[in-house]
PDB file of N, CA and C in Angstrom:
ATOM      1  N   MET A   1      37.614 -38.194 -28.632  1.00  0.00           N
ATOM      2  CA  MET A   1      37.645 -37.115 -27.882  1.00  0.00           C
ATOM      3  C   MET A   1      37.796 -37.443 -26.474  1.00  0.00           C
ATOM      4  N   ARG A   2      38.892 -36.817 -25.692  1.00  0.00           N
ATOM      5  CA  ARG A   2      39.040 -37.139 -24.318  1.00  0.00           C
ATOM      6  C   ARG A   2      38.555 -35.972 -23.508  1.00  0.00           C
ATOM      7  N   ILE A   3      37.911 -36.401 -22.390  1.00  0.00           N
ATOM      8  CA  ILE A   3      37.456 -35.233 -21.398  1.00  0.00           C
ATOM      9  C   ILE A   3      38.446 -35.413 -20.263  1.00  0.00           C
ATOM     10  N   SER A   4      38.908 -34.226 -19.778  1.00  0.00           N
ATOM     11  CA  SER A   4      39.825 -34.309 -18.528  1.00  0.00           C
ATOM     12  C   SER A   4      38.901 -34.508 -17.377  1.00  0.00           C
ATOM     13  N   PRO A   5      39.468 -35.066 -16.336  1.00  0.00           N
ATOM     14  CA  PRO A   5      38.636 -35.373 -15.081  1.00  0.00           C
ATOM     15  C   PRO A   5      38.061 -34.190 -14.450  1.00  0.00           C
ATOM     16  N   GLY A   6      38.723 -33.002 -14.586  1.00  0.00           N
ATOM     17  CA  GLY A   6      38.094 -31.771 -14.013  1.00  0.00           C
ATOM     18  C   GLY A   6      36.913 -31.208 -14.898  1.00  0.00           C
ATOM     19  N   ARG A   7      36.863 -31.507 -16.214  1.00  0.00           N
ATOM     20  CA  ARG A   7      35.930 -31.078 -17.050  1.00  0.00           C
ATOM     21  C   ARG A   7      34.654 -32.023 -16.805  1.00  0.00           C
ATOM     22  N   ALA A   8      34.999 -33.321 -16.601  1.00  0.00           N
ATOM     23  CA  ALA A   8      33.865 -34.378 -16.383  1.00  0.00           C
ATOM     24  C   ALA A   8      33.229 -34.157 -15.281  1.00  0.00           C
ATOM     25  N   ARG A   9      33.933 -33.545 -14.120  1.00  0.00           N
ATOM     26  CA  ARG A   9      33.445 -33.256 -12.760  1.00  0.00           C
ATOM     27  C   ARG A   9      32.497 -32.031 -12.925  1.00  0.00           C
ATOM     28  N   VAL A  10      32.935 -31.094 -13.672  1.00  0.00           N
ATOM     29  CA  VAL A  10      32.024 -29.921 -13.919  1.00  0.00           C
ATOM     30  C   VAL A  10      30.710 -30.331 -14.593  1.00  0.00           C
ATOM     31  N   ASN A  11      30.870 -31.118 -15.610  1.00  0.00           N
ATOM     32  CA  ASN A  11      29.777 -31.622 -16.344  1.00  0.00           C
ATOM     33  C   ASN A  11      28.738 -32.442 -15.511  1.00  0.00           C
ATOM     34  N   ILE A  12      29.384 -33.364 -14.682  1.00  0.00           N
ATOM     35  CA  ILE A  12      28.425 -34.139 -13.712  1.00  0.00           C
ATOM     36  C   ILE A  12      27.723 -33.199 -12.725  1.00  0.00           C
ATOM     37  N   LEU A  13      28.615 -32.148 -12.036  1.00  0.00           N
ATOM     38  CA  LEU A  13      27.850 -31.298 -11.234  1.00  0.00           C
ATOM     39  C   LEU A  13      26.686 -30.520 -11.933  1.00  0.00           C
ATOM     40  N   ALA A  14      26.925 -30.152 -13.084  1.00  0.00           N
ATOM     41  CA  ALA A  14      25.856 -29.416 -13.849  1.00  0.00           C
ATOM     42  C   ALA A  14      24.574 -30.259 -14.099  1.00  0.00           C
ATOM     43  N   VAL A  15      24.748 -31.386 -14.454  1.00  0.00           N
ATOM     44  CA  VAL A  15      23.626 -32.448 -14.653  1.00  0.00           C
ATOM     45  C   VAL A  15      23.054 -32.554 -13.216  1.00  0.00           C
ATOM     46  N   GLN A  16      23.865 -32.729 -12.306  1.00  0.00           N
ATOM     47  CA  GLN A  16      23.288 -33.012 -10.848  1.00  0.00           C
ATOM     48  C   GLN A  16      22.374 -31.786 -10.451  1.00  0.00           C
ATOM     49  N   GLY A  17      22.872 -30.543 -10.821  1.00  0.00           N
ATOM     50  CA  GLY A  17      22.003 -29.341 -10.371  1.00  0.00           C
ATOM     51  C   GLY A  17      20.770 -29.220 -11.224  1.00  0.00           C
ATOM     52  N   SER A  18      20.916 -29.701 -12.476  1.00  0.00           N
ATOM     53  CA  SER A  18      19.698 -29.673 -13.270  1.00  0.00           C
ATOM     54  C   SER A  18      18.707 -30.716 -12.859  1.00  0.00           C
ATOM     55  N   LEU A  19      19.194 -31.975 -12.390  1.00  0.00           N
ATOM     56  CA  LEU A  19      18.404 -32.853 -11.810  1.00  0.00           C
ATOM     57  C   LEU A  19      17.588 -32.341 -10.514  1.00  0.00           C
ATOM     58  N   ARG A  20      18.326 -31.661  -9.729  1.00  0.00           N
ATOM     59  CA  ARG A  20      17.872 -31.210  -8.424  1.00  0.00           C
ATOM     60  C   ARG A  20      16.799 -30.010  -8.847  1.00  0.00           C
ATOM     61  N   ALA A  21      17.004 -29.273  -9.855  1.00  0.00           N
ATOM     62  CA  ALA A  21      15.963 -28.265 -10.149  1.00  0.00           C
ATOM     63  C   ALA A  21      14.728 -28.876 -10.665  1.00  0.00           C
ATOM     64  N   LEU A  22      14.768 -30.120 -11.541  1.00  0.00           N
ATOM     65  CA  LEU A  22      13.729 -30.704 -12.059  1.00  0.00           C
ATOM     66  C   LEU A  22      12.903 -31.320 -10.736  1.00  0.00           C
ATOM     67  N   ASP A  23      13.655 -31.927  -9.885  1.00  0.00           N
ATOM     68  CA  ASP A  23      13.071 -32.545  -8.720  1.00  0.00           C
ATOM     69  C   ASP A  23      12.247 -31.509  -7.919  1.00  0.00           C
ATOM     70  N   ARG A  24      12.702 -30.484  -7.680  1.00  0.00           N
ATOM     71  CA  ARG A  24      12.105 -29.319  -6.964  1.00  0.00           C
ATOM     72  C   ARG A  24      10.895 -28.811  -7.810  1.00  0.00           C
ATOM     73  N   SER A  25      10.906 -28.671  -8.994  1.00  0.00           N
ATOM     74  CA  SER A  25       9.750 -28.466  -9.866  1.00  0.00           C
ATOM     75  C   SER A  25       8.707 -29.368  -9.762  1.00  0.00           C
ATOM     76  N   LEU A  26       9.004 -30.707  -9.921  1.00  0.00           N
ATOM     77  CA  LEU A  26       8.007 -31.788  -9.770  1.00  0.00           C
ATOM     78  C   LEU A  26       7.449 -31.836  -8.367  1.00  0.00           C
ATOM     79  N   ARG A  27       8.145 -31.548  -7.365  1.00  0.00           N
ATOM     80  CA  ARG A  27       7.720 -31.436  -6.070  1.00  0.00           C
ATOM     81  C   ARG A  27       6.669 -30.431  -5.873  1.00  0.00           C
ATOM     82  N   GLY A  28       6.787 -29.378  -6.603  1.00  0.00           N
ATOM     83  CA  GLY A  28       5.861 -28.118  -6.439  1.00  0.00           C
ATOM     84  C   GLY A  28       4.668 -28.439  -7.257  1.00  0.00           C
ATOM     85  N   LEU A  29       4.802 -29.232  -8.400  1.00  0.00           N
ATOM     86  CA  LEU A  29       3.714 -29.485  -9.363  1.00  0.00           C
ATOM     87  C   LEU A  29       2.714 -30.511  -8.728  1.00  0.00           C
ATOM     88  N   PHE A  30       3.343 -31.399  -7.913  1.00  0.00           N
ATOM     89  CA  PHE A  30       2.519 -32.642  -7.322  1.00  0.00           C
ATOM     90  C   PHE A  30       1.270 -32.196  -6.466  1.00  0.00           C
ATOM     91  N   PRO A  31       1.499 -31.083  -5.617  1.00  0.00           N
ATOM     92  CA  PRO A  31       0.230 -30.613  -4.705  1.00  0.00           C
ATOM     93  C   PRO A  31      -0.646 -29.829  -5.772  1.00  0.00           C
ATOM     94  N   LEU A  32      -0.355 -29.236  -6.590  1.00  0.00           N
ATOM     95  CA  LEU A  32      -1.365 -28.487  -7.586  1.00  0.00           C
ATOM     96  C   LEU A  32      -2.033 -29.579  -8.242  1.00  0.00           C
ATOM     97  N   LEU A  33      -1.401 -30.544  -8.683  1.00  0.00           N
ATOM     98  CA  LEU A  33      -2.162 -31.586  -9.424  1.00  0.00           C
ATOM     99  C   LEU A  33      -3.106 -32.393  -8.741  1.00  0.00           C
ATOM    100  N   SER A  34      -2.664 -32.727  -7.501  1.00  0.00           N
ATOM    101  CA  SER A  34      -3.510 -33.345  -6.516  1.00  0.00           C
ATOM    102  C   SER A  34      -4.734 -32.528  -6.095  1.00  0.00           C
ATOM    103  N   THR A  35      -4.560 -31.415  -5.951  1.00  0.00           N
ATOM    104  CA  THR A  35      -5.635 -30.472  -5.656  1.00  0.00           C
ATOM    105  C   THR A  35      -6.566 -30.321  -6.794  1.00  0.00           C
ATOM    106  N   ALA A  36      -5.924 -30.325  -8.132  1.00  0.00           N
ATOM    107  CA  ALA A  36      -6.831 -30.101  -9.198  1.00  0.00           C
ATOM    108  C   ALA A  36      -7.632 -31.299  -9.465  1.00  0.00           C
ATOM    109  N   MET A  37      -7.101 -32.644  -9.073  1.00  0.00           N
ATOM    110  CA  MET A  37      -7.897 -33.756  -9.194  1.00  0.00           C
ATOM    111  C   MET A  37      -8.970 -33.752  -8.233  1.00  0.00           C
ATOM    112  N   GLN A  38      -8.730 -33.206  -6.994  1.00  0.00           N
ATOM    113  CA  GLN A  38     -10.018 -33.076  -6.112  1.00  0.00           C
ATOM    114  C   GLN A  38     -10.980 -32.184  -6.412  1.00  0.00           C
ATOM    115  N   ASN A  39     -10.703 -31.022  -7.183  1.00  0.00           N
ATOM    116  CA  ASN A  39     -11.598 -30.086  -7.568  1.00  0.00           C
ATOM    117  C   ASN A  39     -12.099 -30.362  -8.867  1.00  0.00           C
ATOM    118  N   GLY A  40     -12.167 -31.402  -9.427  1.00  0.00           N
ATOM    119  CA  GLY A  40     -12.748 -31.951 -10.795  1.00  0.00           C
ATOM    120  C   GLY A  40     -11.769 -31.374 -11.874  1.00  0.00           C
ATOM    121  N   GLY A  41     -10.611 -31.378 -11.643  1.00  0.00           N
ATOM    122  CA  GLY A  41      -9.730 -31.003 -12.924  1.00  0.00           C
ATOM    123  C   GLY A  41      -9.484 -29.442 -12.938  1.00  0.00           C
ATOM    124  N   GLN A  42      -9.981 -28.705 -12.157  1.00  0.00           N
ATOM    125  CA  GLN A  42      -9.790 -27.270 -12.321  1.00  0.00           C
ATOM    126  C   GLN A  42      -8.660 -26.783 -11.545  1.00  0.00           C
ATOM    127  N   VAL A  43      -7.767 -26.009 -12.239  1.00  0.00           N
ATOM    128  CA  VAL A  43      -6.581 -25.458 -11.630  1.00  0.00           C
ATOM    129  C   VAL A  43      -6.723 -24.037 -11.287  1.00  0.00           C
ATOM    130  N   GLU A  44      -6.628 -23.595 -10.141  1.00  0.00           N
ATOM    131  CA  GLU A  44      -6.785 -22.173  -9.860  1.00  0.00           C
ATOM    132  C   GLU A  44      -5.423 -21.289 -10.396  1.00  0.00           C
ATOM    133  N   LYS A  45      -5.995 -20.224 -10.820  1.00  0.00           N
ATOM    134  CA  LYS A  45      -4.726 -19.374 -11.431  1.00  0.00           C
ATOM    135  C   LYS A  45      -4.136 -18.682 -10.121  1.00  0.00           C
ATOM    136  N   ALA A  46      -2.756 -18.672 -10.120  1.00  0.00           N
ATOM    137  CA  ALA A  46      -2.018 -17.805  -9.089  1.00  0.00           C
ATOM    138  C   ALA A  46      -2.263 -16.350  -9.391  1.00  0.00           C
ATOM    139  N   ARG A  47      -2.605 -15.630  -8.291  1.00  0.00           N
ATOM    140  CA  ARG A  47      -2.784 -14.165  -8.363  1.00  0.00           C
ATOM    141  C   ARG A  47      -1.478 -13.468  -8.562  1.00  0.00           C
ATOM    142  N   ARG A  48      -1.342 -12.617  -9.630  1.00  0.00           N
ATOM    143  CA  ARG A  48      -0.200 -11.767  -9.848  1.00  0.00           C
ATOM    144  C   ARG A  48      -0.171 -10.695  -9.006  1.00  0.00           C
ATOM    145  N   ARG A  49       1.042 -10.228  -8.394  1.00  0.00           N
ATOM    146  CA  ARG A  49       1.301  -9.008  -7.879  1.00  0.00           C
ATOM    147  C   ARG A  49       1.156  -7.951  -8.847  1.00  0.00           C
ATOM    148  N   PRO A  50       0.485  -6.824  -8.448  1.00  0.00           N
ATOM    149  CA  PRO A  50       0.418  -5.734  -9.403  1.00  0.00           C
ATOM    150  C   PRO A  50       1.677  -5.111  -9.324  1.00  0.00           C
ATOM    151  N   ARG A  51       2.171  -4.482 -10.461  1.00  0.00           N
ATOM    152  CA  ARG A  51       3.450  -3.860 -10.732  1.00  0.00           C
ATOM    153  C   ARG A  51       3.357  -2.531 -10.000  1.00  0.00           C
ATOM    154  N   LEU A  52       4.255  -2.052  -9.202  1.00  0.00           N
ATOM    155  CA  LEU A  52       4.250  -0.931  -8.425  1.00  0.00           C
ATOM    156  C   LEU A  52       4.875   0.236  -9.273  1.00  0.00           C
ATOM    157  N   SER A  53       4.354   1.344  -9.216  1.00  0.00           N
ATOM    158  CA  SER A  53       5.233   2.532  -9.887  1.00  0.00           C
ATOM    159  C   SER A  53       6.238   2.908  -8.906  1.00  0.00           C
ATOM    160  N   VAL A  54       7.236   3.781  -9.273  1.00  0.00           N
ATOM    161  CA  VAL A  54       8.296   4.191  -8.507  1.00  0.00           C
ATOM    162  C   VAL A  54       7.793   5.008  -7.262  1.00  0.00           C
ATOM    163  N   LYS A  55       6.654   5.767  -7.557  1.00  0.00           N
ATOM    164  CA  LYS A  55       6.119   6.654  -6.538  1.00  0.00           C
ATOM    165  C   LYS A  55       5.393   5.717  -5.418  1.00  0.00           C
ATOM    166  N   ALA A  56       4.712   4.678  -5.828  1.00  0.00           N
ATOM    167  CA  ALA A  56       4.023   3.872  -4.904  1.00  0.00           C
ATOM    168  C   ALA A  56       4.912   2.975  -4.158  1.00  0.00           C
ATOM    169  N   ARG A  57       6.167   2.519  -4.689  1.00  0.00           N
ATOM    170  CA  ARG A  57       7.078   1.723  -4.048  1.00  0.00           C
ATOM    171  C   ARG A  57       7.813   2.671  -3.020  1.00  0.00           C
ATOM    172  N   ALA A  58       8.142   4.029  -3.416  1.00  0.00           N
ATOM    173  CA  ALA A  58       8.697   4.841  -2.395  1.00  0.00           C
ATOM    174  C   ALA A  58       7.765   5.196  -1.266  1.00  0.00           C
ATOM    175  N   SER A  59       6.560   5.195  -1.446  1.00  0.00           N
ATOM    176  CA  SER A  59       5.515   5.383  -0.428  1.00  0.00           C
ATOM    177  C   SER A  59       5.425   4.250   0.533  1.00  0.00           C
ATOM    178  N   LEU A  60       5.466   2.972  -0.129  1.00  0.00           N
ATOM    179  CA  LEU A  60       5.617   1.781   0.903  1.00  0.00           C
ATOM    180  C   LEU A  60       6.957   1.727   1.653  1.00  0.00           C
ATOM    181  N   VAL A  61       8.075   2.199   1.057  1.00  0.00           N
ATOM    182  CA  VAL A  61       9.283   2.160   1.782  1.00  0.00           C
ATOM    183  C   VAL A  61       9.135   3.080   2.977  1.00  0.00           C
ATOM    184  N   LEU A  62       8.604   4.356   2.678  1.00  0.00           N
ATOM    185  CA  LEU A  62       8.500   5.360   3.756  1.00  0.00           C
ATOM    186  C   LEU A  62       7.481   4.836   4.754  1.00  0.00           C
ATOM    187  N   GLN A  63       6.392   4.186   4.431  1.00  0.00           N
ATOM    188  CA  GLN A  63       5.503   3.564   5.418  1.00  0.00           C
ATOM    189  C   GLN A  63       6.239   2.642   6.275  1.00  0.00           C
ATOM    190  N   GLY A  64       7.022   1.724   5.691  1.00  0.00           N
ATOM    191  CA  GLY A  64       7.905   0.751   6.433  1.00  0.00           C
ATOM    192  C   GLY A  64       8.756   1.375   7.412  1.00  0.00           C
ATOM    193  N   ARG A  65       9.322   2.431   6.999  1.00  0.00           N
ATOM    194  CA  ARG A  65      10.279   3.071   7.945  1.00  0.00           C
ATOM    195  C   ARG A  65       9.571   3.660   9.088  1.00  0.00           C
ATOM    196  N   TYR A  66       8.397   4.353   8.797  1.00  0.00           N
ATOM    197  CA  TYR A  66       7.549   4.941   9.789  1.00  0.00           C
ATOM    198  C   TYR A  66       7.107   3.808  10.842  1.00  0.00           C
ATOM    199  N   MET A  67       6.696   2.698  10.241  1.00  0.00           N
ATOM    200  CA  MET A  67       6.226   1.562  11.088  1.00  0.00           C
ATOM    201  C   MET A  67       7.395   1.001  11.994  1.00  0.00           C
ATOM    202  N   GLY A  68       8.417   0.995  11.557  1.00  0.00           N
ATOM    203  CA  GLY A  68       9.687   0.436  12.113  1.00  0.00           C
ATOM    204  C   GLY A  68      10.128   1.478  13.278  1.00  0.00           C
ATOM    205  N   PHE A  69       9.982   2.680  12.980  1.00  0.00           N
ATOM    206  CA  PHE A  69      10.373   3.628  13.956  1.00  0.00           C
ATOM    207  C   PHE A  69       9.280   3.830  15.038  1.00  0.00           C
ATOM    208  N   MET A  70       8.091   3.708  14.724  1.00  0.00           N
ATOM    209  CA  MET A  70       7.045   3.721  15.829  1.00  0.00           C
ATOM    210  C   MET A  70       7.206   2.416  16.672  1.00  0.00           C
ATOM    211  N   ARG A  71       7.544   1.334  16.156  1.00  0.00           N
ATOM    212  CA  ARG A  71       7.542   0.131  16.868  1.00  0.00           C
ATOM    213  C   ARG A  71       8.539   0.207  18.057  1.00  0.00           C
ATOM    214  N   GLN A  72       9.528   0.974  17.902  1.00  0.00           N
ATOM    215  CA  GLN A  72      10.711   0.992  18.803  1.00  0.00           C
ATOM    216  C   GLN A  72      10.403   1.933  19.973  1.00  0.00           C
ATOM    217  N   LEU A  73       9.227   2.885  19.680  1.00  0.00           N
ATOM    218  CA  LEU A  73       9.045   3.873  20.690  1.00  0.00           C
ATOM    219  C   LEU A  73       8.082   3.296  21.914  1.00  0.00           C
ATOM    220  N   LYS A  74       8.238   4.036  23.057  1.00  0.00           N
ATOM    221  CA  LYS A  74       7.424   3.706  24.072  1.00  0.00           C
ATOM    222  C   LYS A  74       6.129   4.354  23.982  1.00  0.00           C
ATOM    223  N   PRO A  75       5.042   3.894  24.651  1.00  0.00           N
ATOM    224  CA  PRO A  75       3.709   4.434  24.483  1.00  0.00           C
ATOM    225  C   PRO A  75       3.586   5.859  24.692  1.00  0.00           C
ATOM    226  N   ARG A  76       4.190   6.508  25.540  1.00  0.00           N
ATOM    227  CA  ARG A  76       4.117   8.047  25.710  1.00  0.00           C
ATOM    228  C   ARG A  76       4.756   8.730  24.539  1.00  0.00           C
ATOM    229  N   GLN A  77       5.891   8.056  23.853  1.00  0.00           N
ATOM    230  CA  GLN A  77       6.411   8.788  22.754  1.00  0.00           C
ATOM    231  C   GLN A  77       5.563   8.428  21.457  1.00  0.00           C
ATOM    232  N   LYS A  78       5.047   7.378  21.371  1.00  0.00           N
ATOM    233  CA  LYS A  78       4.024   7.193  20.229  1.00  0.00           C
ATOM    234  C   LYS A  78       2.878   8.139  20.331  1.00  0.00           C
ATOM    235  N   ALA A  79       2.421   8.445  21.532  1.00  0.00           N
ATOM    236  CA  ALA A  79       1.265   9.422  21.680  1.00  0.00           C
ATOM    237  C   ALA A  79       1.738  10.821  21.176  1.00  0.00           C
ATOM    238  N   GLN A  80       2.969  11.154  21.562  1.00  0.00           N
ATOM    239  CA  GLN A  80       3.486  12.488  21.012  1.00  0.00           C
ATOM    240  C   GLN A  80       3.676  12.559  19.539  1.00  0.00           C
ATOM    241  N   VAL A  81       4.062  11.502  18.839  1.00  0.00           N
ATOM    242  CA  VAL A  81       4.214  11.485  17.480  1.00  0.00           C
ATOM    243  C   VAL A  81       2.797  11.533  16.859  1.00  0.00           C
ATOM    244  N   ARG A  82       1.783  10.914  17.437  1.00  0.00           N
ATOM    245  CA  ARG A  82       0.479  10.854  16.947  1.00  0.00           C
ATOM    246  C   ARG A  82      -0.217  12.272  17.073  1.00  0.00           C
ATOM    247  N   LYS A  83       0.070  12.951  18.169  1.00  0.00           N
ATOM    248  CA  LYS A  83      -0.271  14.265  18.362  1.00  0.00           C
ATOM    249  C   LYS A  83       0.159  15.330  17.396  1.00  0.00           C
ATOM    250  N   SER A  84       1.458  15.064  17.239  1.00  0.00           N
ATOM    251  CA  SER A  84       2.149  16.048  16.223  1.00  0.00           C
ATOM    252  C   SER A  84       1.693  15.741  14.588  1.00  0.00           C
ATOM    253  N   ARG A  85       1.262  14.501  14.359  1.00  0.00           N
ATOM    254  CA  ARG A  85       0.747  14.194  13.152  1.00  0.00           C
ATOM    255  C   ARG A  85      -0.617  14.933  12.911  1.00  0.00           C
ATOM    256  N   ARG A  86      -1.480  14.815  13.985  1.00  0.00           N
ATOM    257  CA  ARG A  86      -2.763  15.397  13.844  1.00  0.00           C
ATOM    258  C   ARG A  86      -2.733  16.803  13.692  1.00  0.00           C
ATOM    259  N   ARG A  87      -1.647  17.540  14.398  1.00  0.00           N
ATOM    260  CA  ARG A  87      -1.607  18.941  14.219  1.00  0.00           C
ATOM    261  C   ARG A  87      -1.210  19.410  12.705  1.00  0.00           C
ATOM    262  N   ARG A  88      -0.377  18.471  12.130  1.00  0.00           N
ATOM    263  CA  ARG A  88      -0.092  18.769  10.770  1.00  0.00           C
ATOM    264  C   ARG A  88      -1.087  18.545   9.717  1.00  0.00           C
ATOM    265  N   GLU A  89      -1.993  17.763   9.959  1.00  0.00           N
ATOM    266  CA  GLU A  89      -3.150  17.512   8.983  1.00  0.00           C
ATOM    267  C   GLU A  89      -4.205  18.516   9.078  1.00  0.00           C
TER     268      GLU A  89
END
């Protein structure tokens, strides 16, 4: 079975990418293992991010927009926005 030079190059690049991924994984694993060895062999579990509901995510997006808007205002304008918010509550 003959492999064309183009196909061989594609396969070599695929293997090269896989080796890079393996290298990255091992580099990430090394600090965890060295820390575990210092802690007596106990590996800390990574904390998972809680899944956000659609409503909670929308709330965070709105909060980010508000904070971005407030950041660009001058102090006097910020005071006006805060005052109007206090009136609404």
